[in-house]
């Protein structure tokens, strides 16, 4: 009889150990699922931010093409001198940047853009054209920088394009 009384507690201990192991697995699975959900949400936020920046960039380039020598040329910021910081990297210039409201999934977002005048550049479409011989080889060139305005610490995307007339 002494032998039976010793073995009765072993089943209880083994059951408790299995319960602890199953609980730890469940907690691990919950944490993993929560992390995957956060990663998916961040990916979605980043994609929306990219779409806002792309739509804003498209808007600015369309406006620049439509201006064709009018106020946009004079409103474009001059490119900073060598050795100074780029204007798109300066928070003060974003305070006066152009803006565009973009609607995605029935939600309004704001995109901002800066247009910088890079001056006249030789056209790369015709490599035989030399600006010293033919001034028409040069074309007005701009750098357009667009970004979304981040909301509540969410993703921010900035895109740039060099645009030629």
N, C-alpha and C. Protein backbone atom coordinates (compact mmCIF):
# COMPACT_ATOMS: atom_id res chain seq x y z
N UNK A 1 0.80 -1.21 0.00
CA UNK A 1 0.00 0.00 0.00
C UNK A 1 0.84 1.27 0.00
N UNK A 2 1.95 1.21 0.53
CA UNK A 2 2.80 2.40 0.50
C UNK A 2 3.20 2.76 -0.92
N UNK A 3 3.32 1.77 -1.74
CA UNK A 3 3.68 2.02 -3.12
C UNK A 3 2.57 2.79 -3.86
N UNK A 4 1.32 2.48 -3.66
CA UNK A 4 0.22 3.15 -4.31
C UNK A 4 0.09 4.62 -3.87
N UNK A 5 0.31 4.90 -2.64
CA UNK A 5 0.17 6.27 -2.15
C UNK A 5 1.24 7.20 -2.71
N UNK A 6 2.44 6.69 -3.01
CA UNK A 6 3.49 7.52 -3.59
C UNK A 6 3.19 7.88 -5.05
N UNK A 7 2.58 6.98 -5.80
CA UNK A 7 2.36 7.23 -7.22
C UNK A 7 1.13 8.09 -7.49
N UNK A 8 0.29 8.30 -6.54
CA UNK A 8 -0.92 9.10 -6.77
C UNK A 8 -0.60 10.58 -7.03
N UNK A 9 0.40 11.15 -6.46
CA UNK A 9 0.75 12.57 -6.65
C UNK A 9 1.46 12.84 -7.96
N UNK A 10 2.06 11.82 -8.57
CA UNK A 10 2.81 12.00 -9.81
C UNK A 10 1.87 12.41 -10.95
N UNK A 11 0.71 11.85 -11.05
CA UNK A 11 -0.24 12.21 -12.11
C UNK A 11 -0.66 13.67 -11.99
N UNK A 12 -0.82 14.15 -10.81
CA UNK A 12 -1.19 15.55 -10.59
C UNK A 12 -0.06 16.48 -11.02
N UNK A 13 1.16 16.15 -10.67
CA UNK A 13 2.32 16.98 -11.03
C UNK A 13 2.50 16.99 -12.55
N UNK A 14 2.38 15.85 -13.20
CA UNK A 14 2.51 15.78 -14.65
C UNK A 14 1.40 16.59 -15.32
N UNK A 15 0.19 16.51 -14.84
CA UNK A 15 -0.93 17.29 -15.38
C UNK A 15 -0.69 18.78 -15.24
N UNK A 16 -0.17 19.22 -14.11
CA UNK A 16 0.12 20.65 -13.90
C UNK A 16 1.24 21.12 -14.82
N UNK A 17 2.28 20.30 -15.00
CA UNK A 17 3.37 20.66 -15.91
C UNK A 17 2.88 20.79 -17.35
N UNK A 18 2.02 19.87 -17.76
CA UNK A 18 1.45 19.96 -19.12
C UNK A 18 0.57 21.20 -19.28
N UNK A 19 -0.17 21.53 -18.25
CA UNK A 19 -1.00 22.73 -18.29
C UNK A 19 -0.14 23.98 -18.40
N UNK A 20 0.97 24.05 -17.69
CA UNK A 20 1.90 25.19 -17.77
C UNK A 20 2.49 25.27 -19.18
N UNK A 21 2.88 24.12 -19.74
CA UNK A 21 3.47 24.11 -21.08
C UNK A 21 2.46 24.59 -22.12
N UNK A 22 1.22 24.14 -22.04
CA UNK A 22 0.18 24.56 -22.98
C UNK A 22 -0.11 26.05 -22.82
N UNK A 23 -0.12 26.56 -21.59
CA UNK A 23 -0.34 27.98 -21.34
C UNK A 23 0.78 28.82 -21.95
N UNK A 24 2.03 28.39 -21.80
CA UNK A 24 3.16 29.12 -22.38
C UNK A 24 3.07 29.13 -23.91
N UNK A 25 2.68 28.02 -24.51
CA UNK A 25 2.50 27.98 -25.96
C UNK A 25 1.40 28.93 -26.41
N UNK A 26 0.31 28.98 -25.68
CA UNK A 26 -0.80 29.87 -26.03
C UNK A 26 -0.37 31.33 -25.92
N UNK A 27 0.36 31.68 -24.87
CA UNK A 27 0.83 33.06 -24.71
C UNK A 27 1.78 33.43 -25.84
N UNK A 28 2.66 32.51 -26.20
CA UNK A 28 3.59 32.76 -27.30
C UNK A 28 2.84 32.96 -28.61
N UNK A 29 1.82 32.17 -28.87
CA UNK A 29 1.03 32.31 -30.09
C UNK A 29 0.30 33.65 -30.12
N UNK A 30 -0.23 34.08 -28.98
CA UNK A 30 -0.94 35.36 -28.92
C UNK A 30 0.03 36.51 -29.20
N UNK A 31 1.23 36.44 -28.59
CA UNK A 31 2.22 37.51 -28.84
C UNK A 31 2.63 37.54 -30.31
N UNK A 32 2.83 36.39 -30.89
CA UNK A 32 3.22 36.32 -32.30
C UNK A 32 2.13 36.89 -33.19
N UNK A 33 0.88 36.57 -32.91
CA UNK A 33 -0.24 37.09 -33.68
C UNK A 33 -0.35 38.61 -33.54
N UNK A 34 -0.15 39.12 -32.36
CA UNK A 34 -0.20 40.56 -32.13
C UNK A 34 0.91 41.26 -32.91
N UNK A 35 2.11 40.69 -32.91
CA UNK A 35 3.23 41.28 -33.65
C UNK A 35 2.94 41.27 -35.15
N UNK A 36 2.41 40.17 -35.66
CA UNK A 36 2.07 40.09 -37.08
C UNK A 36 1.01 41.13 -37.46
N UNK A 37 0.06 41.35 -36.58
CA UNK A 37 -0.99 42.34 -36.84
C UNK A 37 -0.40 43.75 -36.89
N UNK A 38 0.52 44.06 -35.98
CA UNK A 38 1.17 45.38 -35.99
C UNK A 38 1.99 45.57 -37.26
N UNK A 39 2.69 44.52 -37.67
CA UNK A 39 3.51 44.62 -38.88
C UNK A 39 2.63 44.84 -40.11
N UNK A 40 1.51 44.17 -40.18
CA UNK A 40 0.59 44.35 -41.31
C UNK A 40 0.00 45.76 -41.32
N UNK A 41 -0.34 46.28 -40.14
CA UNK A 41 -0.88 47.64 -40.05
C UNK A 41 0.17 48.67 -40.48
N UNK A 42 1.43 48.48 -40.07
CA UNK A 42 2.49 49.40 -40.47
C UNK A 42 2.72 49.36 -41.98
N UNK A 43 2.65 48.17 -42.55
CA UNK A 43 2.80 48.04 -43.99
C UNK A 43 1.68 48.77 -44.73
N UNK A 44 0.46 48.65 -44.22
CA UNK A 44 -0.67 49.36 -44.81
C UNK A 44 -0.52 50.87 -44.69
N UNK A 45 -0.07 51.36 -43.53
CA UNK A 45 0.16 52.79 -43.33
C UNK A 45 1.22 53.31 -44.29
N UNK A 46 2.28 52.54 -44.45
CA UNK A 46 3.37 52.97 -45.34
C UNK A 46 2.89 53.02 -46.80
N UNK A 47 2.08 52.07 -47.20
CA UNK A 47 1.57 52.06 -48.56
C UNK A 47 0.66 53.26 -48.81
N UNK A 48 -0.16 53.59 -47.85
CA UNK A 48 -1.02 54.78 -48.00
C UNK A 48 -0.16 56.04 -48.07
N UNK A 49 0.87 56.13 -47.23
CA UNK A 49 1.77 57.29 -47.26
C UNK A 49 2.46 57.40 -48.62
N UNK A 50 2.86 56.28 -49.18
CA UNK A 50 3.49 56.30 -50.50
C UNK A 50 2.51 56.77 -51.57
N UNK A 51 1.27 56.31 -51.50
CA UNK A 51 0.26 56.73 -52.47
C UNK A 51 -0.02 58.23 -52.38
N UNK A 52 -0.02 58.76 -51.16
CA UNK A 52 -0.24 60.20 -50.98
C UNK A 52 0.90 60.98 -51.61
N UNK A 53 2.14 60.57 -51.34
CA UNK A 53 3.31 61.26 -51.89
C UNK A 53 3.32 61.16 -53.42
N UNK A 54 2.98 60.00 -53.97
CA UNK A 54 2.94 59.85 -55.43
C UNK A 54 1.86 60.72 -56.06
N UNK A 55 0.68 60.77 -55.44
CA UNK A 55 -0.40 61.61 -55.98
C UNK A 55 -0.02 63.08 -55.91
N UNK A 56 0.64 63.49 -54.84
CA UNK A 56 1.07 64.88 -54.70
C UNK A 56 2.14 65.22 -55.72
N UNK A 57 3.06 64.32 -55.94
CA UNK A 57 4.11 64.51 -56.94
C UNK A 57 3.50 64.62 -58.34
N UNK A 58 2.54 63.78 -58.62
CA UNK A 58 1.85 63.83 -59.91
C UNK A 58 1.11 65.15 -60.08
N UNK A 59 0.44 65.62 -59.02
CA UNK A 59 -0.27 66.90 -59.07
C UNK A 59 0.70 68.04 -59.36
N UNK A 60 1.83 68.06 -58.64
CA UNK A 60 2.79 69.16 -58.83
C UNK A 60 3.38 69.14 -60.24
N UNK A 61 3.71 67.97 -60.76
CA UNK A 61 4.27 67.92 -62.11
C UNK A 61 3.24 68.30 -63.16
N UNK A 62 1.97 67.96 -62.94
CA UNK A 62 0.91 68.36 -63.86
C UNK A 62 0.72 69.87 -63.85
N UNK A 63 0.76 70.46 -62.66
CA UNK A 63 0.63 71.91 -62.56
C UNK A 63 1.82 72.62 -63.21
N UNK A 64 3.00 72.05 -63.06
CA UNK A 64 4.20 72.63 -63.65
C UNK A 64 4.11 72.56 -65.17
N UNK A 65 3.64 71.45 -65.69
CA UNK A 65 3.50 71.30 -67.15
C UNK A 65 2.45 72.27 -67.69
N UNK A 66 1.37 72.46 -66.95
CA UNK A 66 0.29 73.34 -67.40
C UNK A 66 0.69 74.81 -67.33
N UNK A 67 1.59 75.17 -66.41
CA UNK A 67 1.98 76.57 -66.24
C UNK A 67 2.71 77.10 -67.46
N UNK A 68 3.61 76.31 -68.04
CA UNK A 68 4.30 76.65 -69.28
C UNK A 68 4.82 78.09 -69.31
N UNK A 69 5.61 78.42 -68.32
CA UNK A 69 6.27 79.72 -68.32
C UNK A 69 5.61 80.79 -67.50
N UNK A 70 4.56 80.47 -66.78
CA UNK A 70 3.88 81.50 -66.01
C UNK A 70 4.35 81.52 -64.57
N UNK A 71 3.43 81.72 -63.65
CA UNK A 71 3.76 81.95 -62.24
C UNK A 71 4.53 80.81 -61.60
N UNK A 72 4.36 79.58 -62.06
CA UNK A 72 5.08 78.47 -61.42
C UNK A 72 6.58 78.64 -61.57
N UNK A 73 7.02 79.18 -62.68
CA UNK A 73 8.46 79.35 -62.87
C UNK A 73 9.02 80.35 -61.87
N UNK A 74 8.29 81.42 -61.66
CA UNK A 74 8.78 82.43 -60.73
C UNK A 74 8.58 81.98 -59.28
N UNK A 75 7.57 81.13 -59.04
CA UNK A 75 7.32 80.67 -57.67
C UNK A 75 8.27 79.55 -57.26
N UNK A 76 8.90 78.89 -58.25
CA UNK A 76 9.81 77.80 -57.92
C UNK A 76 11.00 78.34 -57.16
N UNK A 77 11.38 77.64 -56.12
CA UNK A 77 12.50 78.08 -55.30
C UNK A 77 13.80 77.88 -56.04
N UNK A 78 14.75 78.80 -55.87
CA UNK A 78 16.06 78.58 -56.49
C UNK A 78 16.79 77.47 -55.74
N UNK A 79 17.60 76.74 -56.45
CA UNK A 79 18.39 75.69 -55.82
C UNK A 79 19.43 76.34 -54.93
N UNK A 80 19.65 75.85 -53.71
CA UNK A 80 20.63 76.46 -52.82
C UNK A 80 22.05 76.34 -53.38
N UNK A 81 22.90 77.26 -52.97
CA UNK A 81 24.29 77.26 -53.42
C UNK A 81 25.00 76.03 -52.88
N UNK A 82 26.09 75.68 -53.55
CA UNK A 82 26.88 74.53 -53.10
C UNK A 82 27.35 74.74 -51.65
N UNK A 83 27.30 73.68 -50.89
CA UNK A 83 27.74 73.74 -49.51
C UNK A 83 26.62 74.07 -48.52
N UNK A 84 25.44 74.43 -49.02
CA UNK A 84 24.32 74.70 -48.13
C UNK A 84 23.34 73.53 -48.18
N UNK A 85 22.50 73.47 -47.17
CA UNK A 85 21.56 72.35 -47.07
C UNK A 85 20.49 72.45 -48.16
N UNK A 86 20.04 71.29 -48.63
CA UNK A 86 18.95 71.27 -49.60
C UNK A 86 17.68 71.80 -48.95
N UNK A 87 16.86 72.48 -49.74
CA UNK A 87 15.65 73.08 -49.19
C UNK A 87 14.64 72.03 -48.75
N UNK A 88 14.59 70.91 -49.45
CA UNK A 88 13.63 69.87 -49.07
C UNK A 88 14.01 69.23 -47.75
N UNK A 89 15.23 69.46 -47.31
CA UNK A 89 15.70 68.90 -46.04
C UNK A 89 15.56 69.91 -44.90
N UNK A 90 15.03 71.08 -45.20
CA UNK A 90 14.90 72.16 -44.22
C UNK A 90 13.43 72.28 -43.79
N UNK A 91 13.11 72.07 -42.50
CA UNK A 91 11.71 72.14 -42.05
C UNK A 91 11.05 73.49 -42.29
N UNK A 92 11.83 74.57 -42.34
CA UNK A 92 11.25 75.90 -42.56
C UNK A 92 10.61 76.02 -43.94
N UNK A 93 11.18 75.38 -44.93
CA UNK A 93 10.62 75.47 -46.28
C UNK A 93 9.33 74.67 -46.40
N UNK A 94 9.19 73.62 -45.59
CA UNK A 94 7.95 72.84 -45.66
C UNK A 94 6.78 73.61 -45.07
N UNK A 95 7.05 74.59 -44.22
CA UNK A 95 5.97 75.39 -43.65
C UNK A 95 5.24 76.18 -44.73
N UNK A 96 5.96 76.57 -45.80
CA UNK A 96 5.37 77.35 -46.89
C UNK A 96 5.19 76.53 -48.16
N UNK A 97 5.27 75.22 -48.05
CA UNK A 97 5.18 74.36 -49.23
C UNK A 97 3.76 74.32 -49.76
N UNK A 98 3.65 73.97 -51.03
CA UNK A 98 2.33 73.77 -51.61
C UNK A 98 1.71 72.51 -51.00
N UNK A 99 0.41 72.43 -51.04
CA UNK A 99 -0.24 71.25 -50.47
C UNK A 99 -1.34 70.76 -51.38
N UNK A 100 -1.70 69.53 -51.18
CA UNK A 100 -2.71 68.88 -52.00
C UNK A 100 -3.45 67.89 -51.12
N UNK A 101 -4.77 67.90 -51.17
CA UNK A 101 -5.56 66.93 -50.42
C UNK A 101 -5.79 65.72 -51.31
N UNK A 102 -5.48 64.55 -50.76
CA UNK A 102 -5.61 63.29 -51.48
C UNK A 102 -6.63 62.44 -50.73
N UNK A 103 -7.60 61.89 -51.46
CA UNK A 103 -8.61 61.04 -50.84
C UNK A 103 -8.33 59.58 -51.19
N UNK A 104 -8.14 58.77 -50.15
CA UNK A 104 -7.91 57.34 -50.31
C UNK A 104 -8.89 56.62 -49.39
N UNK A 105 -9.67 55.73 -49.96
CA UNK A 105 -10.68 54.98 -49.19
C UNK A 105 -11.59 55.91 -48.40
N UNK A 106 -12.03 56.99 -49.03
CA UNK A 106 -12.95 57.97 -48.43
C UNK A 106 -12.35 58.72 -47.25
N UNK A 107 -11.03 58.73 -47.12
CA UNK A 107 -10.35 59.48 -46.06
C UNK A 107 -9.46 60.51 -46.72
N UNK A 108 -9.52 61.76 -46.24
CA UNK A 108 -8.71 62.84 -46.80
C UNK A 108 -7.36 62.90 -46.10
N UNK A 109 -6.29 62.92 -46.92
CA UNK A 109 -4.92 63.06 -46.43
C UNK A 109 -4.30 64.28 -47.09
N UNK A 110 -3.27 64.82 -46.48
CA UNK A 110 -2.61 66.00 -47.04
C UNK A 110 -1.20 65.64 -47.48
N UNK A 111 -0.89 66.03 -48.71
CA UNK A 111 0.46 65.90 -49.23
C UNK A 111 1.03 67.29 -49.47
N UNK A 112 2.34 67.43 -49.31
CA UNK A 112 3.01 68.71 -49.53
C UNK A 112 4.04 68.55 -50.63
N UNK A 113 4.35 69.66 -51.31
CA UNK A 113 5.38 69.61 -52.34
C UNK A 113 6.17 70.90 -52.39
N UNK A 114 7.42 70.75 -52.82
CA UNK A 114 8.32 71.89 -53.04
C UNK A 114 8.85 71.75 -54.47
N UNK A 115 8.84 72.85 -55.21
CA UNK A 115 9.39 72.86 -56.56
C UNK A 115 10.62 73.76 -56.55
N UNK A 116 11.75 73.20 -56.98
CA UNK A 116 13.01 73.96 -57.03
C UNK A 116 13.45 74.10 -58.47
N UNK A 117 13.84 75.31 -58.84
CA UNK A 117 14.30 75.59 -60.20
C UNK A 117 15.78 75.22 -60.30
N UNK A 118 16.08 74.22 -61.12
CA UNK A 118 17.47 73.79 -61.31
C UNK A 118 18.14 74.53 -62.47
N UNK A 119 17.38 75.39 -63.16
CA UNK A 119 17.95 76.14 -64.27
C UNK A 119 17.84 75.37 -65.58
N UNK A 120 18.66 75.76 -66.54
CA UNK A 120 18.64 75.14 -67.85
C UNK A 120 19.63 73.98 -67.88
N UNK A 121 19.18 72.84 -68.36
CA UNK A 121 20.03 71.66 -68.52
C UNK A 121 19.94 71.20 -69.96
N UNK A 122 21.02 70.60 -70.42
CA UNK A 122 21.03 70.05 -71.77
C UNK A 122 20.09 68.85 -71.83
N UNK A 123 19.42 68.72 -72.96
CA UNK A 123 18.50 67.61 -73.15
C UNK A 123 19.29 66.33 -73.39
N UNK A 124 18.93 65.27 -72.71
CA UNK A 124 19.59 63.98 -72.91
C UNK A 124 18.88 63.16 -73.99
N UNK A 125 17.79 63.67 -74.50
CA UNK A 125 17.08 62.94 -75.54
C UNK A 125 17.87 62.93 -76.86
N UNK A 126 18.66 63.97 -77.05
CA UNK A 126 19.47 64.05 -78.26
C UNK A 126 20.93 64.25 -77.84
N UNK A 127 21.72 63.17 -77.77
CA UNK A 127 23.11 63.30 -77.31
C UNK A 127 24.00 64.09 -78.26
N UNK A 128 23.59 64.27 -79.51
CA UNK A 128 24.41 65.02 -80.45
C UNK A 128 24.23 66.53 -80.29
N UNK A 129 23.21 66.93 -79.59
CA UNK A 129 22.90 68.35 -79.41
C UNK A 129 23.86 68.96 -78.39
N UNK A 130 24.53 70.04 -78.77
CA UNK A 130 25.48 70.70 -77.89
C UNK A 130 24.97 72.10 -77.57
N UNK A 131 24.77 72.41 -76.27
CA UNK A 131 24.17 73.71 -75.89
C UNK A 131 24.97 74.91 -76.37
N UNK A 132 26.29 74.79 -76.48
CA UNK A 132 27.08 75.95 -76.93
C UNK A 132 26.80 76.27 -78.39
N UNK A 133 26.49 75.23 -79.16
CA UNK A 133 26.19 75.43 -80.58
C UNK A 133 24.72 75.75 -80.81
N UNK A 134 23.85 75.18 -79.99
CA UNK A 134 22.42 75.35 -80.18
C UNK A 134 21.76 75.55 -78.81
N UNK A 135 21.40 76.80 -78.46
CA UNK A 135 20.80 77.05 -77.15
C UNK A 135 19.47 76.35 -76.93
N UNK A 136 18.82 75.90 -78.01
CA UNK A 136 17.55 75.21 -77.86
C UNK A 136 17.72 73.81 -77.28
N UNK A 137 18.97 73.36 -77.18
CA UNK A 137 19.21 72.04 -76.58
C UNK A 137 18.93 72.05 -75.08
N UNK A 138 19.02 73.23 -74.49
CA UNK A 138 18.81 73.31 -73.05
C UNK A 138 17.33 73.45 -72.74
N UNK A 139 16.93 72.82 -71.65
CA UNK A 139 15.54 72.88 -71.23
C UNK A 139 15.44 73.27 -69.76
N UNK A 140 14.38 73.98 -69.44
CA UNK A 140 14.13 74.36 -68.05
C UNK A 140 13.92 73.08 -67.23
N UNK A 141 14.61 73.00 -66.10
CA UNK A 141 14.58 71.78 -65.29
C UNK A 141 14.23 72.13 -63.85
N UNK A 142 13.41 71.28 -63.25
CA UNK A 142 12.97 71.49 -61.87
C UNK A 142 13.15 70.20 -61.07
N UNK A 143 13.33 70.36 -59.79
CA UNK A 143 13.30 69.22 -58.87
C UNK A 143 12.03 69.37 -58.03
N UNK A 144 11.17 68.36 -58.10
CA UNK A 144 9.93 68.38 -57.32
C UNK A 144 10.08 67.36 -56.19
N UNK A 145 9.86 67.81 -54.98
CA UNK A 145 9.90 66.95 -53.81
C UNK A 145 8.52 66.93 -53.20
N UNK A 146 7.99 65.74 -52.98
CA UNK A 146 6.66 65.59 -52.40
C UNK A 146 6.74 64.67 -51.19
N UNK A 147 5.89 64.95 -50.21
CA UNK A 147 5.81 64.10 -49.03
C UNK A 147 4.39 64.13 -48.49
N UNK A 148 4.07 63.12 -47.70
CA UNK A 148 2.79 63.15 -47.00
C UNK A 148 3.02 63.78 -45.64
N UNK A 149 2.01 64.37 -45.08
CA UNK A 149 2.15 64.90 -43.72
C UNK A 149 1.73 63.80 -42.76
N UNK A 150 2.68 63.30 -41.96
CA UNK A 150 2.36 62.19 -41.06
C UNK A 150 1.35 62.60 -39.99
N UNK A 151 0.43 61.70 -39.69
CA UNK A 151 -0.60 61.94 -38.70
C UNK A 151 -0.40 60.94 -37.56
N UNK A 152 -0.39 61.45 -36.34
CA UNK A 152 -0.29 60.60 -35.14
C UNK A 152 0.91 59.66 -35.17
N UNK A 153 2.05 60.15 -35.63
CA UNK A 153 3.27 59.34 -35.62
C UNK A 153 3.28 58.21 -36.62
N UNK A 154 2.43 58.27 -37.62
CA UNK A 154 2.39 57.20 -38.63
C UNK A 154 3.47 57.42 -39.68
N UNK A 155 3.51 56.53 -40.64
CA UNK A 155 4.56 56.53 -41.65
C UNK A 155 4.59 57.83 -42.46
N UNK A 156 5.79 58.20 -42.86
CA UNK A 156 5.99 59.35 -43.72
C UNK A 156 6.85 58.92 -44.90
N UNK A 157 6.48 59.35 -46.09
CA UNK A 157 7.23 59.01 -47.30
C UNK A 157 7.53 60.30 -48.05
N UNK A 158 8.77 60.42 -48.55
CA UNK A 158 9.17 61.57 -49.35
C UNK A 158 9.70 61.05 -50.68
N UNK A 159 9.23 61.65 -51.78
CA UNK A 159 9.66 61.27 -53.12
C UNK A 159 10.17 62.50 -53.85
N UNK A 160 11.14 62.27 -54.75
CA UNK A 160 11.66 63.37 -55.57
C UNK A 160 11.70 62.94 -57.02
N UNK A 161 11.54 63.92 -57.89
CA UNK A 161 11.67 63.68 -59.31
C UNK A 161 12.30 64.92 -59.94
N UNK A 162 13.15 64.70 -60.95
CA UNK A 162 13.68 65.81 -61.73
C UNK A 162 12.80 65.90 -62.96
N UNK A 163 12.24 67.09 -63.18
CA UNK A 163 11.26 67.29 -64.24
C UNK A 163 11.82 68.29 -65.24
N UNK A 164 11.76 67.93 -66.52
CA UNK A 164 12.21 68.83 -67.57
C UNK A 164 11.04 69.21 -68.45
N UNK A 165 11.11 70.40 -68.95
CA UNK A 165 10.06 70.90 -69.84
C UNK A 165 10.16 70.23 -71.18
